[in-house]
Amino acid sequence: MSASARAAAMKTLSESVKGKEAKAPVVVAPTAREKEEAAEVDLSERIAARLAEMRATQAARAAAR
């Protein structure tokens, strides 16, 4: 392929790409396992927050005595 033919092909290719809209990336739905892991993390965070709240209440009661 000659240099001029290659340049013409590249010009045609770049012009054809310019007119096309970019597609949004495909979003893959989480698998059942990923959903389960996310639920476990959420539950662990809520348990830790509740435990910290209970400890703070207990410390406040002990300090009030």
C-alpha atoms as a PDB file:
ATOM      1  CA  MET A   1       0.000   0.000   0.000  1.00  0.00           C
ATOM      2  CA  SER A   2       1.419   3.333  -0.967  1.00  0.00           C
ATOM      3  CA  ALA A   3       1.766   6.193   1.460  1.00  0.00           C
ATOM      4  CA  SER A   4      -0.917   8.228  -0.292  1.00  0.00           C
ATOM      5  CA  ALA A   5      -3.340   5.280  -0.280  1.00  0.00           C
ATOM      6  CA  ARG A   6      -2.656   4.734   3.421  1.00  0.00           C
ATOM      7  CA  ALA A   7      -3.242   8.433   4.139  1.00  0.00           C
ATOM      8  CA  ALA A   8      -6.514   8.358   2.197  1.00  0.00           C
ATOM      9  CA  ALA A   9      -7.650   5.268   4.100  1.00  0.00           C
ATOM     10  CA  MET A  10      -6.810   6.870   7.447  1.00  0.00           C
ATOM     11  CA  LYS A  11      -8.664  10.057   6.446  1.00  0.00           C
ATOM     12  CA  THR A  12     -11.748   8.057   5.470  1.00  0.00           C
ATOM     13  CA  LEU A  13     -11.586   6.072   8.699  1.00  0.00           C
ATOM     14  CA  SER A  14     -11.190   9.137  10.913  1.00  0.00           C
ATOM     15  CA  GLU A  15     -14.049  10.932   9.154  1.00  0.00           C
ATOM     16  CA  SER A  16     -16.353   7.955   9.596  1.00  0.00           C
ATOM     17  CA  VAL A  17     -15.531   7.771  13.306  1.00  0.00           C
ATOM     18  CA  LYS A  18     -16.085  11.502  13.892  1.00  0.00           C
ATOM     19  CA  GLY A  19     -19.740  11.336  12.903  1.00  0.00           C
ATOM     20  CA  LYS A  20     -20.611   8.521  15.298  1.00  0.00           C
ATOM     21  CA  GLU A  21     -21.838   9.165  18.806  1.00  0.00           C
ATOM     22  CA  ALA A  22     -19.882   7.613  21.615  1.00  0.00           C
ATOM     23  CA  LYS A  23     -21.775   4.823  23.306  1.00  0.00           C
ATOM     24  CA  ALA A  24     -22.084   4.762  27.059  1.00  0.00           C
ATOM     25  CA  PRO A  25     -20.139   1.963  28.703  1.00  0.00           C
ATOM     26  CA  VAL A  26     -22.113  -1.168  29.342  1.00  0.00           C
ATOM     27  CA  VAL A  27     -23.147  -1.438  32.972  1.00  0.00           C
ATOM     28  CA  VAL A  28     -23.161  -4.993  34.212  1.00  0.00           C
ATOM     29  CA  ALA A  29     -25.700  -5.817  36.890  1.00  0.00           C
ATOM     30  CA  PRO A  30     -24.163  -7.191  40.073  1.00  0.00           C
ATOM     31  CA  THR A  31     -24.255 -10.934  40.467  1.00  0.00           C
ATOM     32  CA  ALA A  32     -26.137 -12.620  43.283  1.00  0.00           C
ATOM     33  CA  ARG A  33     -22.840 -13.219  45.097  1.00  0.00           C
ATOM     34  CA  GLU A  34     -21.859  -9.548  44.793  1.00  0.00           C
ATOM     35  CA  LYS A  35     -25.258  -8.505  46.137  1.00  0.00           C
ATOM     36  CA  GLU A  36     -24.859 -10.924  49.044  1.00  0.00           C
ATOM     37  CA  GLU A  37     -21.383  -9.587  49.834  1.00  0.00           C
ATOM     38  CA  ALA A  38     -22.676  -6.004  49.750  1.00  0.00           C
ATOM     39  CA  ALA A  39     -25.517  -6.956  52.101  1.00  0.00           C
ATOM     40  CA  GLU A  40     -23.043  -8.606  54.491  1.00  0.00           C
ATOM     41  CA  VAL A  41     -20.862  -5.486  54.516  1.00  0.00           C
ATOM     42  CA  ASP A  42     -23.914  -3.293  55.146  1.00  0.00           C
ATOM     43  CA  LEU A  43     -25.075  -5.514  57.998  1.00  0.00           C
ATOM     44  CA  SER A  44     -21.586  -5.554  59.542  1.00  0.00           C
ATOM     45  CA  GLU A  45     -21.443  -1.757  59.414  1.00  0.00           C
ATOM     46  CA  ARG A  46     -24.858  -1.426  61.050  1.00  0.00           C
ATOM     47  CA  ILE A  47     -23.910  -3.924  63.784  1.00  0.00           C
ATOM     48  CA  ALA A  48     -20.661  -2.048  64.471  1.00  0.00           C
ATOM     49  CA  ALA A  49     -22.518   1.275  64.683  1.00  0.00           C
ATOM     50  CA  ARG A  50     -25.117  -0.167  67.074  1.00  0.00           C
ATOM     51  CA  LEU A  51     -22.404  -1.749  69.232  1.00  0.00           C
ATOM     52  CA  ALA A  52     -20.564   1.580  69.461  1.00  0.00           C
ATOM     53  CA  GLU A  53     -23.827   3.263  70.438  1.00  0.00           C
ATOM     54  CA  MET A  54     -24.472   0.668  73.160  1.00  0.00           C
ATOM     55  CA  ARG A  55     -20.937   1.043  74.532  1.00  0.00           C
ATOM     56  CA  ALA A  56     -21.299   4.822  74.650  1.00  0.00           C
ATOM     57  CA  THR A  57     -24.596   4.487  76.520  1.00  0.00           C
ATOM     58  CA  GLN A  58     -23.029   2.035  78.957  1.00  0.00           C
ATOM     59  CA  ALA A  59     -20.068   4.361  79.541  1.00  0.00           C
ATOM     60  CA  ALA A  60     -22.419   7.295  80.151  1.00  0.00           C
ATOM     61  CA  ARG A  61     -24.398   5.269  82.686  1.00  0.00           C
ATOM     62  CA  ALA A  62     -21.206   4.192  84.461  1.00  0.00           C
ATOM     63  CA  ALA A  63     -20.010   7.791  84.610  1.00  0.00           C
ATOM     64  CA  ALA A  64     -23.348   8.926  86.065  1.00  0.00           C
ATOM     65  CA  ARG A  65     -23.032   6.587  89.061  1.00  0.00           C
END
